Amino acid sequence: MKTKKLGNQGLEIPLVGLGCMGMSPSVNVNTYGKADEKESIATIHRSLELGGNFLDTADLYGPLLNERLVGKAIKGNRDKYIIATKFGFEIDDNEQLTWGINGKPEYVKKAVERSLKNLGTDHIDLYYLHRPDPEVPIEETVGAMGQLVKEGKVKYIGISEVTAEQIRKAYAAFPLTAVQNEYSLFERAAEADGVYETTKELGIGLVAYSPLGRGFLTGQIKSPDDFEADDFRRSIPRFQGEQFYKNIELINEINKIAAEKGVNSTQLAIAWIIAKGITPIPGTKKAKYVEQNIAATEVVLTDGDMDRIDAIIPIGAETGDRNIYQSF
């Protein structure tokens, strides 16, 4: 797979990353269906075989279970992977979520040591603040993260789900390599609110989580009843009521362009993000989907293709509330 520079601090990554969140349950709830640890680890290994060595996790997922799973998967081959993880959702000493956000410098130190242990490594390649702490200036948190870089525990830092103003304040405290926000054909707030332009201006890489609209853009979801009873997507307005079926109509139009290009809607959605200079990190726990997602890096979209896609789902199109508190 082709690679690219993420930001201007020196990190080089493949065009597509692998989101690992769904590979383990979070707070006893399955994310995107049930996961099998053996199959999940095999998926990570298959991704590596295809050049997909950029893995994204977080201490929140589980909590801690997902980092430990990733640690098992990379054991013995740590140097072949680029590991990104996140902190910020407070986890107490009993490994329980408090559901508060903690960006205090002392918690930064505590969280990184726990993640290093979970991952079985002496350094984290890309360390994100998962959400800004409303009680702590973001520059204070990022300053503490910068100290981790100086200590060699972290190579690069980033922030997640932030505004353009927060990006500028954070960057002034320590150079950022990446901003990770939700971004897809169904979620284009990063363009509407200036985040996309700000990252380009400052030379920061933009990483798109949920690039397939939490599965909507795969074309495999036909009814709200397709979700298991404990699937967290049932709580997201985008997947409910009349809005659900309006979104299905949009996907049907996207499918027409995908068919013309000889690809599926998933691959078109990924190729569209790559064409905009953004790095998608689609999540999956199955090797066959990793293969499909990585194949999307070979899809070429013309300016005409991009215009047609934008006409179907333009910036500001109503696709339903994503519910940021269910977006990780």
Protein backbone atom coordinates (compact mmCIF):
# COMPACT_ATOMS: atom_id res chain seq x y z
CA MET A 1 0.00 0.00 0.00
CA LYS A 2 1.15 3.53 -0.71
CA THR A 3 2.21 5.69 2.22
CA LYS A 4 1.96 9.38 3.05
CA LYS A 5 3.25 11.91 5.55
CA LEU A 6 0.79 12.54 8.34
CA GLY A 7 1.30 16.16 9.27
CA ASN A 8 4.69 17.81 9.02
CA GLN A 9 6.44 16.38 12.09
CA GLY A 10 7.87 13.32 10.31
CA LEU A 11 5.33 10.51 10.79
CA GLU A 12 4.78 8.36 7.69
CA ILE A 13 1.74 6.10 7.53
CA PRO A 14 -0.21 4.03 4.98
CA LEU A 15 -3.10 5.71 3.16
CA VAL A 16 -5.62 3.76 5.24
CA GLY A 17 -5.45 2.85 8.92
CA LEU A 18 -7.29 0.19 10.89
CA GLY A 19 -9.73 1.19 13.61
CA CYS A 20 -9.66 -1.47 16.33
CA MET A 21 -12.51 -0.28 18.59
CA GLY A 22 -15.00 -2.92 17.46
CA MET A 23 -12.60 -5.76 18.21
CA SER A 24 -13.62 -5.78 21.87
CA PRO A 25 -16.73 -4.86 23.86
CA SER A 26 -16.87 -1.50 25.62
CA VAL A 27 -18.49 -1.26 29.03
CA ASN A 28 -20.02 -4.70 28.41
CA VAL A 29 -21.68 -3.53 25.20
CA ASN A 30 -20.74 -4.85 21.77
CA THR A 31 -19.71 -2.24 19.23
CA TYR A 32 -20.75 -3.16 15.69
CA GLY A 33 -21.71 -6.70 16.71
CA LYS A 34 -19.93 -9.39 18.68
CA ALA A 35 -16.19 -9.77 18.31
CA ASP A 36 -13.95 -12.83 18.51
CA GLU A 37 -10.47 -12.15 19.86
CA LYS A 38 -8.77 -14.76 17.69
CA GLU A 39 -10.43 -13.44 14.55
CA SER A 40 -9.65 -9.85 15.52
CA ILE A 41 -5.96 -10.61 15.98
CA ALA A 42 -5.92 -12.44 12.64
CA THR A 43 -7.44 -9.34 11.08
CA ILE A 44 -4.64 -7.15 12.45
CA HIS A 45 -2.07 -9.61 11.10
CA ARG A 46 -3.72 -9.70 7.67
CA SER A 47 -3.73 -5.92 7.58
CA LEU A 48 0.01 -5.90 8.25
CA GLU A 49 0.58 -8.36 5.39
CA LEU A 50 -1.10 -5.87 3.05
CA GLY A 51 0.85 -2.87 4.36
CA GLY A 52 -1.83 -1.76 6.80
CA ASN A 53 0.31 -1.28 9.90
CA PHE A 54 -1.36 1.88 11.30
CA LEU A 55 -3.57 0.73 14.19
CA ASP A 56 -5.94 2.97 16.14
CA THR A 57 -7.14 2.15 19.65
CA ALA A 58 -7.90 3.95 22.95
CA ASP A 59 -7.87 3.22 26.67
CA LEU A 60 -11.63 3.95 26.66
CA TYR A 61 -12.40 0.91 24.53
CA GLY A 62 -13.15 -1.79 27.05
CA PRO A 63 -12.03 0.12 29.04
CA LEU A 64 -8.46 -1.08 28.49
CA LEU A 65 -9.47 -4.35 26.79
CA ASN A 66 -8.81 -3.08 23.30
CA GLU A 67 -5.30 -1.87 24.04
CA ARG A 68 -4.53 -5.25 25.56
CA LEU A 69 -5.86 -7.03 22.50
CA VAL A 70 -3.70 -4.85 20.25
CA GLY A 71 -0.76 -5.60 22.54
CA LYS A 72 -1.29 -9.34 22.00
CA ALA A 73 -1.54 -8.87 18.24
CA ILE A 74 1.69 -6.90 17.88
CA LYS A 75 3.77 -8.94 20.34
CA GLY A 76 7.06 -9.94 18.76
CA ASN A 77 6.56 -7.54 15.85
CA ARG A 78 6.21 -4.19 17.62
CA ASP A 79 8.63 -2.41 15.30
CA LYS A 80 6.48 -3.25 12.26
CA TYR A 81 3.44 -1.36 13.54
CA ILE A 82 2.50 2.28 14.01
CA ILE A 83 0.33 2.42 17.12
CA ALA A 84 -2.07 5.25 17.89
CA THR A 85 -4.00 5.34 21.14
CA LYS A 86 -5.97 7.93 23.11
CA PHE A 87 -6.65 9.03 26.66
CA GLY A 88 -8.97 11.53 28.33
CA PHE A 89 -12.05 9.61 29.39
CA GLU A 90 -11.13 9.11 33.02
CA ILE A 91 -10.52 5.53 34.17
CA ASP A 92 -10.10 4.94 37.88
CA ASP A 93 -7.72 2.61 39.69
CA ASN A 94 -10.31 -0.18 39.51
CA GLU A 95 -10.25 0.09 35.72
CA GLN A 96 -13.73 1.59 35.66
CA LEU A 97 -14.87 4.59 33.65
CA THR A 98 -15.93 7.58 35.71
CA TRP A 99 -17.42 9.14 32.52
CA GLY A 100 -15.62 12.33 33.32
CA ILE A 101 -12.94 13.86 31.08
CA ASN A 102 -9.54 14.35 32.67
CA GLY A 103 -6.90 16.44 30.93
CA LYS A 104 -4.86 17.36 34.01
CA PRO A 105 -1.08 16.97 33.54
CA GLU A 106 -0.86 14.44 36.36
CA TYR A 107 -3.51 12.29 34.69
CA VAL A 108 -1.67 12.50 31.37
CA LYS A 109 1.33 10.86 33.06
CA LYS A 110 -0.82 8.22 34.71
CA ALA A 111 -2.73 7.37 31.54
CA VAL A 112 0.33 6.97 29.32
CA GLU A 113 2.02 4.57 31.73
CA ARG A 114 -1.11 2.42 31.80
CA SER A 115 -1.37 2.40 28.00
CA LEU A 116 2.30 1.50 27.59
CA LYS A 117 1.77 -1.46 29.88
CA ASN A 118 -1.43 -2.55 28.12
CA LEU A 119 0.20 -2.38 24.70
CA GLY A 120 3.39 -4.08 25.85
CA THR A 121 5.62 -1.38 24.44
CA ASP A 122 8.06 1.27 25.58
CA HIS A 123 6.64 3.97 23.31
CA ILE A 124 3.44 5.05 21.60
CA ASP A 125 3.79 6.31 18.05
CA LEU A 126 0.81 8.70 18.10
CA TYR A 127 -0.87 9.71 21.35
CA TYR A 128 -4.17 11.60 21.23
CA LEU A 129 -6.19 13.55 23.74
CA HIS A 130 -9.52 11.76 23.18
CA ARG A 131 -11.65 14.75 24.20
CA PRO A 132 -10.66 18.16 25.62
CA ASP A 133 -11.28 18.59 29.33
CA PRO A 134 -13.67 21.55 29.71
CA GLU A 135 -12.07 22.33 33.09
CA VAL A 136 -8.46 22.37 31.87
CA PRO A 137 -7.04 24.66 29.16
CA ILE A 138 -6.18 22.47 26.18
CA GLU A 139 -2.74 24.03 25.94
CA GLU A 140 -2.03 22.81 29.46
CA THR A 141 -2.94 19.23 28.58
CA VAL A 142 -1.04 19.34 25.30
CA GLY A 143 1.98 20.82 27.06
CA ALA A 144 2.04 17.76 29.32
CA MET A 145 1.73 15.51 26.26
CA GLY A 146 4.68 17.33 24.72
CA GLN A 147 6.72 16.43 27.76
CA LEU A 148 6.04 12.75 27.00
CA VAL A 149 7.60 13.29 23.57
CA LYS A 150 10.68 14.79 25.18
CA GLU A 151 10.88 11.77 27.50
CA GLY A 152 10.66 9.34 24.57
CA LYS A 153 7.45 7.68 25.74
CA VAL A 154 5.51 9.14 22.81
CA LYS A 155 6.77 10.00 19.34
CA TYR A 156 3.97 12.26 18.08
CA ILE A 157 0.84 13.78 19.55
CA GLY A 158 -2.66 14.62 18.39
CA ILE A 159 -6.07 15.74 19.62
CA SER A 160 -9.55 14.46 18.85
CA GLU A 161 -13.03 15.96 18.39
CA VAL A 162 -11.89 19.55 18.60
CA THR A 163 -12.74 22.92 17.11
CA ALA A 164 -10.51 25.07 14.91
CA GLU A 165 -9.86 27.38 17.85
CA GLN A 166 -8.82 24.51 20.09
CA ILE A 167 -6.45 23.27 17.38
CA ARG A 168 -4.70 26.63 17.26
CA LYS A 169 -4.36 26.84 21.04
CA ALA A 170 -3.04 23.28 21.25
CA TYR A 171 -0.58 23.75 18.39
CA ALA A 172 0.84 26.82 20.09
CA ALA A 173 1.65 24.68 23.13
CA PHE A 174 3.32 21.84 21.22
CA PRO A 175 3.40 20.88 17.51
CA LEU A 176 0.55 18.53 16.61
CA THR A 177 0.91 15.72 14.12
CA ALA A 178 -2.77 14.84 13.82
CA VAL A 179 -6.34 15.82 14.54
CA GLN A 180 -8.84 12.98 14.64
CA ASN A 181 -12.48 13.92 14.11
CA GLU A 182 -15.45 12.00 12.81
CA TYR A 183 -15.59 12.54 9.05
CA SER A 184 -17.39 10.80 6.22
CA LEU A 185 -19.84 11.45 3.42
CA PHE A 186 -22.46 11.52 6.18
CA GLU A 187 -20.48 13.75 8.56
CA ARG A 188 -18.76 16.79 7.06
CA ALA A 189 -18.70 19.16 10.02
CA ALA A 190 -14.89 19.24 9.82
CA GLU A 191 -15.26 21.14 6.56
CA ALA A 192 -18.18 23.30 7.67
CA ASP A 193 -16.62 24.46 10.94
CA GLY A 194 -13.11 25.24 9.68
CA VAL A 195 -11.26 22.24 11.13
CA TYR A 196 -10.27 20.91 7.71
CA GLU A 197 -8.84 24.26 6.57
CA THR A 198 -7.08 24.86 9.88
CA THR A 199 -5.27 21.53 9.75
CA LYS A 200 -4.15 22.23 6.19
CA GLU A 201 -2.94 25.70 7.13
CA LEU A 202 -0.91 24.45 10.10
CA GLY A 203 0.41 21.30 8.41
CA ILE A 204 -1.47 18.91 10.67
CA GLY A 205 -2.80 15.60 9.38
CA LEU A 206 -6.56 15.07 9.57
CA VAL A 207 -7.59 11.53 10.50
CA ALA A 208 -11.17 10.42 9.87
CA TYR A 209 -12.76 8.01 12.29
CA SER A 210 -16.06 6.38 11.31
CA PRO A 211 -15.30 7.07 7.61
CA LEU A 212 -18.05 4.63 6.61
CA GLY A 213 -20.73 6.40 8.61
CA ARG A 214 -20.68 3.69 11.31
CA GLY A 215 -21.49 1.08 8.71
CA PHE A 216 -24.18 3.04 6.87
CA LEU A 217 -21.99 3.59 3.82
CA THR A 218 -21.27 -0.12 3.43
CA GLY A 219 -24.74 -0.54 1.99
CA GLN A 220 -25.31 -3.59 4.19
CA ILE A 221 -27.73 -1.91 6.58
CA LYS A 222 -31.27 -1.94 5.24
CA SER A 223 -33.39 -1.58 8.37
CA PRO A 224 -32.96 -0.40 11.98
CA ASP A 225 -33.80 -3.99 12.90
CA ASP A 226 -30.54 -5.15 11.31
CA PHE A 227 -28.76 -4.15 14.53
CA GLU A 228 -28.42 -6.50 17.46
CA ALA A 229 -30.38 -5.49 20.54
CA ASP A 230 -27.30 -4.15 22.36
CA ASP A 231 -25.71 -2.42 19.34
CA PHE A 232 -24.98 1.15 20.44
CA ARG A 233 -26.01 2.51 17.03
CA ARG A 234 -29.63 2.04 18.03
CA SER A 235 -29.19 5.12 20.24
CA ILE A 236 -27.88 7.38 17.46
CA PRO A 237 -30.53 9.59 15.78
CA ARG A 238 -28.96 9.05 12.36
CA PHE A 239 -30.10 5.44 12.52
CA GLN A 240 -33.61 6.13 13.73
CA GLY A 241 -37.05 6.75 12.25
CA GLU A 242 -37.65 8.66 9.04
CA GLN A 243 -34.05 9.91 8.89
CA PHE A 244 -32.81 6.34 8.55
CA TYR A 245 -34.74 5.81 5.33
CA LYS A 246 -33.76 9.22 3.95
CA ASN A 247 -30.14 8.19 4.42
CA ILE A 248 -30.80 4.91 2.62
CA GLU A 249 -31.96 6.95 -0.39
CA LEU A 250 -28.66 8.87 -0.37
CA ILE A 251 -26.71 5.63 -0.24
CA ASN A 252 -28.65 4.28 -3.22
CA GLU A 253 -27.42 7.25 -5.25
CA ILE A 254 -23.84 6.74 -4.07
CA ASN A 255 -24.12 3.09 -5.08
CA LYS A 256 -24.82 4.12 -8.66
CA ILE A 257 -21.50 5.95 -8.91
CA ALA A 258 -19.70 3.07 -7.21
CA ALA A 259 -21.15 0.61 -9.73
CA GLU A 260 -19.94 2.77 -12.60
CA LYS A 261 -16.42 2.73 -11.10
CA GLY A 262 -16.53 -1.05 -10.63
CA VAL A 263 -16.26 -0.81 -6.83
CA ASN A 264 -18.65 -1.00 -3.90
CA SER A 265 -19.96 1.89 -1.80
CA THR A 266 -17.45 1.19 0.97
CA GLN A 267 -14.51 1.57 -1.39
CA LEU A 268 -15.97 4.68 -2.98
CA ALA A 269 -16.44 6.30 0.44
CA ILE A 270 -12.84 5.52 1.43
CA ALA A 271 -11.43 6.69 -1.91
CA TRP A 272 -13.38 9.95 -1.60
CA ILE A 273 -11.76 10.69 1.78
CA ILE A 274 -8.28 9.85 0.50
CA ALA A 275 -8.82 12.12 -2.50
CA LYS A 276 -9.44 14.99 -0.07
CA GLY A 277 -6.04 14.42 1.57
CA ILE A 278 -7.55 12.95 4.73
CA THR A 279 -6.59 9.61 6.32
CA PRO A 280 -9.50 7.22 6.94
CA ILE A 281 -9.27 4.61 9.68
CA PRO A 282 -12.22 2.30 8.97
CA GLY A 283 -12.90 -0.16 11.74
CA THR A 284 -13.41 -3.85 11.18
CA LYS A 285 -12.75 -7.15 12.89
CA LYS A 286 -12.78 -9.30 9.76
CA ALA A 287 -9.87 -9.87 7.38
CA LYS A 288 -12.07 -9.82 4.28
CA TYR A 289 -13.10 -6.24 5.01
CA VAL A 290 -9.50 -5.18 5.62
CA GLU A 291 -8.68 -6.51 2.16
CA GLN A 292 -11.60 -4.59 0.68
CA ASN A 293 -10.70 -1.37 2.47
CA ILE A 294 -7.05 -1.47 1.45
CA ALA A 295 -8.05 -2.17 -2.16
CA ALA A 296 -9.89 1.16 -2.05
CA THR A 297 -6.52 2.94 -2.04
CA GLU A 298 -6.19 2.02 -5.72
CA VAL A 299 -9.49 3.65 -6.73
CA VAL A 300 -8.99 6.83 -8.75
CA LEU A 301 -11.67 9.50 -8.60
CA THR A 302 -11.75 12.31 -11.14
CA ASP A 303 -12.81 15.87 -10.39
CA GLY A 304 -16.08 14.99 -12.10
CA ASP A 305 -16.58 12.03 -9.79
CA MET A 306 -15.94 14.21 -6.75
CA ASP A 307 -18.42 16.81 -7.97
CA ARG A 308 -21.11 14.20 -8.50
CA ILE A 309 -20.59 12.78 -5.02
CA ASP A 310 -20.72 16.26 -3.48
CA ALA A 311 -23.97 16.95 -5.31
CA ILE A 312 -25.57 13.90 -3.70
CA ILE A 313 -24.41 14.64 -0.14
CA PRO A 314 -23.14 18.24 0.02
CA ILE A 315 -21.67 19.94 3.07
CA GLY A 316 -24.55 20.68 5.41
CA ALA A 317 -26.81 17.92 4.09
CA GLU A 318 -29.23 16.67 6.73
CA THR A 319 -28.24 13.11 7.64
CA GLY A 320 -29.28 13.14 11.29
CA ASP A 321 -27.52 13.88 14.56
CA ARG A 322 -24.42 11.71 15.06
CA ASN A 323 -24.65 12.04 18.88
CA ILE A 324 -21.08 13.01 19.70
CA TYR A 325 -21.27 11.30 23.10
CA GLN A 326 -21.71 7.98 21.31
CA SER A 327 -18.87 8.80 18.90
CA PHE A 328 -15.45 7.50 19.91
